[in-house]
PDB file of N, CA and C in Angstrom:
ATOM      1  N   MET A   1      -7.602   4.765  15.184  1.00  0.00           N
ATOM      2  CA  MET A   1      -7.167   4.672  16.629  1.00  0.00           C
ATOM      3  C   MET A   1      -5.755   4.136  16.550  1.00  0.00           C
ATOM      4  N   ASP A   2      -5.175   3.317  15.884  1.00  0.00           N
ATOM      5  CA  ASP A   2      -4.022   2.639  15.709  1.00  0.00           C
ATOM      6  C   ASP A   2      -2.876   3.506  15.663  1.00  0.00           C
ATOM      7  N   SER A   3      -3.166   4.661  14.455  1.00  0.00           N
ATOM      8  CA  SER A   3      -2.340   5.788  14.449  1.00  0.00           C
ATOM      9  C   SER A   3      -2.019   6.695  15.979  1.00  0.00           C
ATOM     10  N   LEU A   4      -2.982   6.878  16.302  1.00  0.00           N
ATOM     11  CA  LEU A   4      -2.844   7.641  17.930  1.00  0.00           C
ATOM     12  C   LEU A   4      -2.151   6.870  18.756  1.00  0.00           C
ATOM     13  N   ASN A   5      -2.349   5.677  18.964  1.00  0.00           N
ATOM     14  CA  ASN A   5      -1.384   4.831  19.877  1.00  0.00           C
ATOM     15  C   ASN A   5      -0.086   4.692  19.497  1.00  0.00           C
ATOM     16  N   SER A   6       0.356   4.698  18.020  1.00  0.00           N
ATOM     17  CA  SER A   6       1.631   4.780  17.547  1.00  0.00           C
ATOM     18  C   SER A   6       2.303   6.037  17.920  1.00  0.00           C
ATOM     19  N   ILE A   7       1.645   7.226  17.744  1.00  0.00           N
ATOM     20  CA  ILE A   7       2.267   8.573  17.904  1.00  0.00           C
ATOM     21  C   ILE A   7       2.522   8.370  19.483  1.00  0.00           C
ATOM     22  N   LEU A   8       1.372   8.130  20.316  1.00  0.00           N
ATOM     23  CA  LEU A   8       1.538   8.269  21.884  1.00  0.00           C
ATOM     24  C   LEU A   8       2.828   7.600  22.316  1.00  0.00           C
ATOM     25  N   ILE A   9       3.193   6.092  21.844  1.00  0.00           N
ATOM     26  CA  ILE A   9       4.224   5.290  21.957  1.00  0.00           C
ATOM     27  C   ILE A   9       5.399   6.157  21.560  1.00  0.00           C
ATOM     28  N   LEU A  10       5.378   6.437  20.445  1.00  0.00           N
ATOM     29  CA  LEU A  10       6.734   7.300  19.663  1.00  0.00           C
ATOM     30  C   LEU A  10       7.146   8.591  20.840  1.00  0.00           C
ATOM     31  N   ALA A  11       6.138   9.450  21.082  1.00  0.00           N
ATOM     32  CA  ALA A  11       6.117  10.506  21.818  1.00  0.00           C
ATOM     33  C   ALA A  11       6.806   9.849  23.317  1.00  0.00           C
ATOM     34  N   GLY A  12       6.302   8.695  23.912  1.00  0.00           N
ATOM     35  CA  GLY A  12       6.713   8.447  25.033  1.00  0.00           C
ATOM     36  C   GLY A  12       8.461   7.868  25.056  1.00  0.00           C
ATOM     37  N   VAL A  13       8.571   7.377  23.887  1.00  0.00           N
ATOM     38  CA  VAL A  13       9.947   6.737  23.842  1.00  0.00           C
ATOM     39  C   VAL A  13      10.864   7.691  23.639  1.00  0.00           C
ATOM     40  N   ILE A  14      10.603   9.020  22.962  1.00  0.00           N
ATOM     41  CA  ILE A  14      11.214  10.240  22.579  1.00  0.00           C
ATOM     42  C   ILE A  14      11.691  11.026  24.083  1.00  0.00           C
ATOM     43  N   LEU A  15      10.389  10.655  24.888  1.00  0.00           N
ATOM     44  CA  LEU A  15      10.576  11.743  26.093  1.00  0.00           C
ATOM     45  C   LEU A  15      11.238  10.918  27.170  1.00  0.00           C
ATOM     46  N   VAL A  16      11.491   9.321  27.060  1.00  0.00           N
ATOM     47  CA  VAL A  16      12.146   8.534  27.839  1.00  0.00           C
ATOM     48  C   VAL A  16      13.529   8.679  27.532  1.00  0.00           C
ATOM     49  N   SER A  17      13.848   8.735  25.999  1.00  0.00           N
ATOM     50  CA  SER A  17      15.356   8.894  25.956  1.00  0.00           C
ATOM     51  C   SER A  17      15.816  10.090  26.128  1.00  0.00           C
ATOM     52  N   ILE A  18      15.067  11.197  25.956  1.00  0.00           N
ATOM     53  CA  ILE A  18      15.733  12.833  26.254  1.00  0.00           C
ATOM     54  C   ILE A  18      15.987  12.588  27.835  1.00  0.00           C
ATOM     55  N   PHE A  19      15.011  11.972  28.625  1.00  0.00           N
ATOM     56  CA  PHE A  19      15.161  12.052  30.139  1.00  0.00           C
ATOM     57  C   PHE A  19      16.644  11.175  30.199  1.00  0.00           C
ATOM     58  N   ILE A  20      16.921   9.893  29.604  1.00  0.00           N
ATOM     59  CA  ILE A  20      18.009   9.040  29.823  1.00  0.00           C
ATOM     60  C   ILE A  20      19.236   9.982  29.623  1.00  0.00           C
ATOM     61  N   ILE A  21      19.171  10.670  28.498  1.00  0.00           N
ATOM     62  CA  ILE A  21      20.448  11.110  27.936  1.00  0.00           C
ATOM     63  C   ILE A  21      20.669  12.008  29.029  1.00  0.00           C
ATOM     64  N   ARG A  22      19.470  13.169  29.269  1.00  0.00           N
ATOM     65  CA  ARG A  22      20.063  14.152  30.420  1.00  0.00           C
ATOM     66  C   ARG A  22      20.754  13.865  31.538  1.00  0.00           C
ATOM     67  N   ILE A  23      20.157  12.645  31.968  1.00  0.00           N
ATOM     68  CA  ILE A  23      20.747  11.978  33.165  1.00  0.00           C
ATOM     69  C   ILE A  23      22.074  11.461  32.836  1.00  0.00           C
ATOM     70  N   PHE A  24      22.642  11.302  31.920  1.00  0.00           N
ATOM     71  CA  PHE A  24      23.916  10.222  31.601  1.00  0.00           C
ATOM     72  C   PHE A  24      24.977  11.152  31.004  1.00  0.00           C
ATOM     73  N   ALA A  25      24.388  12.472  30.789  1.00  0.00           N
ATOM     74  CA  ALA A  25      25.174  13.406  30.092  1.00  0.00           C
ATOM     75  C   ALA A  25      26.528  14.103  30.833  1.00  0.00           C
ATOM     76  N   LYS A  26      26.422  13.978  32.215  1.00  0.00           N
ATOM     77  CA  LYS A  26      27.440  14.780  32.916  1.00  0.00           C
ATOM     78  C   LYS A  26      28.706  13.459  33.002  1.00  0.00           C
ATOM     79  N   PRO A  27      28.042  12.183  33.471  1.00  0.00           N
ATOM     80  CA  PRO A  27      29.188  11.504  33.685  1.00  0.00           C
ATOM     81  C   PRO A  27      29.726  10.864  32.310  1.00  0.00           C
ATOM     82  N   ILE A  28      29.042  11.143  31.224  1.00  0.00           N
ATOM     83  CA  ILE A  28      29.770  10.691  29.885  1.00  0.00           C
ATOM     84  C   ILE A  28      30.810  12.000  29.613  1.00  0.00           C
ATOM     85  N   SER A  29      30.367  12.938  30.026  1.00  0.00           N
ATOM     86  CA  SER A  29      31.310  13.999  29.566  1.00  0.00           C
ATOM     87  C   SER A  29      32.512  13.949  30.677  1.00  0.00           C
ATOM     88  N   LEU A  30      32.331  13.498  31.963  1.00  0.00           N
ATOM     89  CA  LEU A  30      33.639  13.273  32.670  1.00  0.00           C
ATOM     90  C   LEU A  30      34.196  12.341  32.212  1.00  0.00           C
ATOM     91  N   ILE A  31      33.837  11.031  31.744  1.00  0.00           N
ATOM     92  CA  ILE A  31      34.340   9.958  30.951  1.00  0.00           C
ATOM     93  C   ILE A  31      35.361  10.197  29.898  1.00  0.00           C
ATOM     94  N   ILE A  32      34.897  11.032  29.188  1.00  0.00           N
ATOM     95  CA  ILE A  32      35.313  11.473  27.824  1.00  0.00           C
ATOM     96  C   ILE A  32      36.684  12.652  28.471  1.00  0.00           C
ATOM     97  N   LYS A  33      36.423  13.366  29.485  1.00  0.00           N
ATOM     98  CA  LYS A  33      37.516  14.062  29.955  1.00  0.00           C
ATOM     99  C   LYS A  33      38.883  13.598  30.381  1.00  0.00           C
ATOM    100  N   LEU A  34      38.307  12.101  31.369  1.00  0.00           N
ATOM    101  CA  LEU A  34      39.339  11.651  31.864  1.00  0.00           C
ATOM    102  C   LEU A  34      39.915  10.945  30.893  1.00  0.00           C
ATOM    103  N   LEU A  35      39.467  10.507  29.704  1.00  0.00           N
ATOM    104  CA  LEU A  35      40.237   9.526  28.562  1.00  0.00           C
ATOM    105  C   LEU A  35      41.187  10.701  27.813  1.00  0.00           C
ATOM    106  N   LEU A  36      40.514  11.890  27.284  1.00  0.00           N
ATOM    107  CA  LEU A  36      41.424  13.047  26.967  1.00  0.00           C
ATOM    108  C   LEU A  36      42.986  13.368  27.767  1.00  0.00           C
ATOM    109  N   ASN A  37      42.695  13.248  29.267  1.00  0.00           N
ATOM    110  CA  ASN A  37      43.736  13.679  30.005  1.00  0.00           C
ATOM    111  C   ASN A  37      44.571  12.305  30.025  1.00  0.00           C
ATOM    112  N   ALA A  38      44.169  10.937  30.035  1.00  0.00           N
ATOM    113  CA  ALA A  38      44.929   9.773  30.149  1.00  0.00           C
ATOM    114  C   ALA A  38      45.735   9.868  28.710  1.00  0.00           C
ATOM    115  N   ALA A  39      45.128  10.236  27.833  1.00  0.00           N
ATOM    116  CA  ALA A  39      45.787  10.217  26.370  1.00  0.00           C
ATOM    117  C   ALA A  39      46.980  11.181  26.303  1.00  0.00           C
ATOM    118  N   SER A  40      46.561  12.439  26.449  1.00  0.00           N
ATOM    119  CA  SER A  40      47.772  13.686  26.829  1.00  0.00           C
ATOM    120  C   SER A  40      48.827  13.080  27.563  1.00  0.00           C
ATOM    121  N   GLY A  41      48.237  12.839  28.801  1.00  0.00           N
ATOM    122  CA  GLY A  41      49.667  12.324  29.859  1.00  0.00           C
ATOM    123  C   GLY A  41      50.409  11.359  29.306  1.00  0.00           C
ATOM    124  N   PHE A  42      49.545  10.309  28.405  1.00  0.00           N
ATOM    125  CA  PHE A  42      50.853   9.077  27.979  1.00  0.00           C
ATOM    126  C   PHE A  42      51.348   9.696  27.102  1.00  0.00           C
ATOM    127  N   ILE A  43      51.236  10.805  25.873  1.00  0.00           N
ATOM    128  CA  ILE A  43      51.799  11.216  25.059  1.00  0.00           C
ATOM    129  C   ILE A  43      53.007  11.732  25.393  1.00  0.00           C
ATOM    130  N   ILE A  44      52.877  12.855  26.511  1.00  0.00           N
ATOM    131  CA  ILE A  44      53.779  13.511  26.993  1.00  0.00           C
ATOM    132  C   ILE A  44      54.832  12.944  27.654  1.00  0.00           C
ATOM    133  N   LEU A  45      54.211  11.524  28.497  1.00  0.00           N
ATOM    134  CA  LEU A  45      55.298  10.731  29.020  1.00  0.00           C
ATOM    135  C   LEU A  45      56.102  10.138  28.079  1.00  0.00           C
ATOM    136  N   PHE A  46      55.474   9.674  27.103  1.00  0.00           N
ATOM    137  CA  PHE A  46      56.295   8.964  25.723  1.00  0.00           C
ATOM    138  C   PHE A  46      57.420  10.014  25.226  1.00  0.00           C
ATOM    139  N   ILE A  47      56.843  11.158  25.157  1.00  0.00           N
ATOM    140  CA  ILE A  47      57.966  12.116  24.527  1.00  0.00           C
ATOM    141  C   ILE A  47      58.994  12.399  25.577  1.00  0.00           C
ATOM    142  N   VAL A  48      58.874  12.573  26.867  1.00  0.00           N
ATOM    143  CA  VAL A  48      59.410  12.901  27.928  1.00  0.00           C
ATOM    144  C   VAL A  48      60.660  11.755  27.720  1.00  0.00           C
ATOM    145  N   ASN A  49      60.117  10.568  27.740  1.00  0.00           N
ATOM    146  CA  ASN A  49      61.049   9.428  27.669  1.00  0.00           C
ATOM    147  C   ASN A  49      61.835   9.384  26.605  1.00  0.00           C
ATOM    148  N   PHE A  50      61.544   9.810  25.624  1.00  0.00           N
ATOM    149  CA  PHE A  50      62.147   9.581  24.255  1.00  0.00           C
ATOM    150  C   PHE A  50      63.086  10.516  24.296  1.00  0.00           C
ATOM    151  N   PHE A  51      62.772  11.667  24.563  1.00  0.00           N
ATOM    152  CA  PHE A  51      63.639  12.950  24.297  1.00  0.00           C
ATOM    153  C   PHE A  51      64.563  12.783  25.526  1.00  0.00           C
ATOM    154  N   GLY A  52      64.300  12.327  26.893  1.00  0.00           N
ATOM    155  CA  GLY A  52      64.939  12.457  27.871  1.00  0.00           C
ATOM    156  C   GLY A  52      66.226  11.259  28.016  1.00  0.00           C
ATOM    157  N   GLU A  53      65.925  10.239  27.399  1.00  0.00           N
ATOM    158  CA  GLU A  53      66.800   9.081  27.305  1.00  0.00           C
ATOM    159  C   GLU A  53      68.253   9.589  26.653  1.00  0.00           C
ATOM    160  N   SER A  54      68.496  10.286  26.020  1.00  0.00           N
ATOM    161  CA  SER A  54      69.588  10.898  25.173  1.00  0.00           C
ATOM    162  C   SER A  54      70.370  11.666  26.326  1.00  0.00           C
ATOM    163  N   ILE A  55      69.692  12.395  27.376  1.00  0.00           N
ATOM    164  CA  ILE A  55      70.470  12.985  28.398  1.00  0.00           C
ATOM    165  C   ILE A  55      70.402  11.905  29.797  1.00  0.00           C
ATOM    166  N   GLY A  56      69.957  11.062  29.743  1.00  0.00           N
ATOM    167  CA  GLY A  56      69.992  10.000  30.725  1.00  0.00           C
ATOM    168  C   GLY A  56      68.521  10.595  31.891  1.00  0.00           C
ATOM    169  N   PHE A  57      67.694  11.109  31.698  1.00  0.00           N
ATOM    170  CA  PHE A  57      66.701  11.710  32.551  1.00  0.00           C
ATOM    171  C   PHE A  57      65.218  11.005  32.101  1.00  0.00           C
ATOM    172  N   THR A  58      65.189   9.843  32.241  1.00  0.00           N
ATOM    173  CA  THR A  58      63.796   9.359  32.202  1.00  0.00           C
ATOM    174  C   THR A  58      62.923   9.054  33.334  1.00  0.00           C
ATOM    175  N   VAL A  59      61.713   8.678  33.072  1.00  0.00           N
ATOM    176  CA  VAL A  59      60.575   8.503  34.139  1.00  0.00           C
ATOM    177  C   VAL A  59      60.336   7.261  33.877  1.00  0.00           C
ATOM    178  N   GLY A  60      60.391   5.989  34.542  1.00  0.00           N
ATOM    179  CA  GLY A  60      59.850   4.973  34.438  1.00  0.00           C
ATOM    180  C   GLY A  60      58.280   4.592  34.195  1.00  0.00           C
ATOM    181  N   VAL A  61      57.809   3.851  33.443  1.00  0.00           N
ATOM    182  CA  VAL A  61      56.511   3.632  33.333  1.00  0.00           C
ATOM    183  C   VAL A  61      56.155   2.303  34.121  1.00  0.00           C
ATOM    184  N   SER A  62      55.371   2.750  35.245  1.00  0.00           N
ATOM    185  CA  SER A  62      55.091   1.819  36.165  1.00  0.00           C
ATOM    186  C   SER A  62      53.516   1.970  36.313  1.00  0.00           C
ATOM    187  N   PHE A  63      53.186   1.255  37.279  1.00  0.00           N
ATOM    188  CA  PHE A  63      51.610   1.136  37.258  1.00  0.00           C
ATOM    189  C   PHE A  63      51.178   2.462  38.318  1.00  0.00           C
ATOM    190  N   PHE A  64      51.831   3.124  39.065  1.00  0.00           N
ATOM    191  CA  PHE A  64      51.913   4.121  40.029  1.00  0.00           C
ATOM    192  C   PHE A  64      52.188   5.529  38.706  1.00  0.00           C
ATOM    193  N   ASN A  65      53.144   5.466  37.799  1.00  0.00           N
ATOM    194  CA  ASN A  65      53.053   6.570  37.102  1.00  0.00           C
ATOM    195  C   ASN A  65      52.280   6.454  35.784  1.00  0.00           C
ATOM    196  N   ALA A  66      51.568   5.539  35.386  1.00  0.00           N
ATOM    197  CA  ALA A  66      50.591   5.609  34.393  1.00  0.00           C
ATOM    198  C   ALA A  66      49.108   5.933  35.181  1.00  0.00           C
ATOM    199  N   VAL A  67      49.161   5.624  36.197  1.00  0.00           N
ATOM    200  CA  VAL A  67      47.677   6.285  36.977  1.00  0.00           C
ATOM    201  C   VAL A  67      48.171   7.575  37.258  1.00  0.00           C
ATOM    202  N   ILE A  68      49.070   8.114  37.813  1.00  0.00           N
ATOM    203  CA  ILE A  68      49.050   9.713  37.930  1.00  0.00           C
ATOM    204  C   ILE A  68      49.108  10.484  36.333  1.00  0.00           C
ATOM    205  N   ALA A  69      49.817   9.641  35.529  1.00  0.00           N
ATOM    206  CA  ALA A  69      49.556  10.486  34.035  1.00  0.00           C
ATOM    207  C   ALA A  69      48.275   9.912  33.606  1.00  0.00           C
ATOM    208  N   GLY A  70      47.777   9.335  33.724  1.00  0.00           N
ATOM    209  CA  GLY A  70      46.330   8.854  33.359  1.00  0.00           C
ATOM    210  C   GLY A  70      45.400   9.847  33.880  1.00  0.00           C
ATOM    211  N   ILE A  71      45.401   9.989  35.184  1.00  0.00           N
ATOM    212  CA  ILE A  71      44.345  10.809  35.831  1.00  0.00           C
ATOM    213  C   ILE A  71      44.356  12.251  35.812  1.00  0.00           C
ATOM    214  N   LEU A  72      45.645  12.703  35.950  1.00  0.00           N
ATOM    215  CA  LEU A  72      45.887  14.050  36.149  1.00  0.00           C
ATOM    216  C   LEU A  72      46.447  14.808  34.542  1.00  0.00           C
ATOM    217  N   GLY A  73      46.846  13.816  33.493  1.00  0.00           N
ATOM    218  CA  GLY A  73      47.224  14.465  32.266  1.00  0.00           C
ATOM    219  C   GLY A  73      48.587  15.169  32.417  1.00  0.00           C
ATOM    220  N   VAL A  74      48.998  15.975  31.611  1.00  0.00           N
ATOM    221  CA  VAL A  74      50.256  16.954  31.311  1.00  0.00           C
ATOM    222  C   VAL A  74      50.353  17.307  33.017  1.00  0.00           C
ATOM    223  N   PRO A  75      49.398  17.809  33.716  1.00  0.00           N
ATOM    224  CA  PRO A  75      50.158  18.196  35.151  1.00  0.00           C
ATOM    225  C   PRO A  75      50.934  17.002  36.069  1.00  0.00           C
ATOM    226  N   GLY A  76      50.168  15.646  35.844  1.00  0.00           N
ATOM    227  CA  GLY A  76      50.553  14.933  36.201  1.00  0.00           C
ATOM    228  C   GLY A  76      52.065  14.197  36.032  1.00  0.00           C
ATOM    229  N   VAL A  77      52.126  14.528  34.530  1.00  0.00           N
ATOM    230  CA  VAL A  77      53.661  14.380  34.213  1.00  0.00           C
ATOM    231  C   VAL A  77      54.694  15.248  35.072  1.00  0.00           C
ATOM    232  N   VAL A  78      54.286  16.553  34.923  1.00  0.00           N
ATOM    233  CA  VAL A  78      55.337  17.568  35.429  1.00  0.00           C
ATOM    234  C   VAL A  78      55.484  16.846  36.826  1.00  0.00           C
ATOM    235  N   LEU A  79      54.284  16.672  37.425  1.00  0.00           N
ATOM    236  CA  LEU A  79      54.423  16.187  38.791  1.00  0.00           C
ATOM    237  C   LEU A  79      55.408  14.892  39.017  1.00  0.00           C
ATOM    238  N   LEU A  80      55.449  13.949  37.901  1.00  0.00           N
ATOM    239  CA  LEU A  80      56.255  12.821  37.991  1.00  0.00           C
ATOM    240  C   LEU A  80      57.294  13.327  38.032  1.00  0.00           C
ATOM    241  N   LEU A  81      57.848  14.488  36.699  1.00  0.00           N
ATOM    242  CA  LEU A  81      59.412  14.918  36.641  1.00  0.00           C
ATOM    243  C   LEU A  81      59.718  15.795  37.718  1.00  0.00           C
ATOM    244  N   ILE A  82      58.841  16.192  38.442  1.00  0.00           N
ATOM    245  CA  ILE A  82      59.565  17.194  39.553  1.00  0.00           C
ATOM    246  C   ILE A  82      59.612  16.162  40.856  1.00  0.00           C
ATOM    247  N   LEU A  83      59.207  15.270  40.998  1.00  0.00           N
ATOM    248  CA  LEU A  83      59.529  14.125  41.782  1.00  0.00           C
ATOM    249  C   LEU A  83      60.593  13.150  41.804  1.00  0.00           C
ATOM    250  N   LYS A  84      60.932  12.979  40.315  1.00  0.00           N
ATOM    251  CA  LYS A  84      61.915  12.362  39.671  1.00  0.00           C
ATOM    252  C   LYS A  84      63.448  13.214  40.091  1.00  0.00           C
ATOM    253  N   PHE A  85      63.229  14.643  40.203  1.00  0.00           N
ATOM    254  CA  PHE A  85      64.401  15.576  39.925  1.00  0.00           C
ATOM    255  C   PHE A  85      64.580  15.427  41.435  1.00  0.00           C
ATOM    256  N   LEU A  86      63.515  15.673  42.367  1.00  0.00           N
ATOM    257  CA  LEU A  86      63.788  16.282  43.763  1.00  0.00           C
ATOM    258  C   LEU A  86      64.389  14.959  44.402  1.00  0.00           C
ATOM    259  N   PHE A  87      63.902  13.433  44.258  1.00  0.00           N
ATOM    260  CA  PHE A  87      64.180  12.197  45.176  1.00  0.00           C
ATOM    261  C   PHE A  87      65.172  11.490  44.229  1.00  0.00           C
ATOM    262  N   PHE A  88      65.437  11.313  43.027  1.00  0.00           N
ATOM    263  CA  PHE A  88      65.909  10.360  42.497  1.00  0.00           C
ATOM    264  C   PHE A  88      66.996  10.777  41.891  1.00  0.00           C
TER     265      PHE A  88
END
């Protein structure tokens, strides 16, 4: 009787674990995508500032610029470059 209870408890734990993983799979993938966008945006922003410094064209790193580059990634850095070129 003990082995049957153990098997049922183990099966219940496995089913609940699968259910929880399925619920949180989409938000976790969105978080991973956001982190990858942020990393690529900051790397491109660093590269643009590093090479743009020699020609006098840099994008300052401020809270606003960091948020744009972090959320949008590479397109965000391109947007910042276009805004810098048009307005400053």
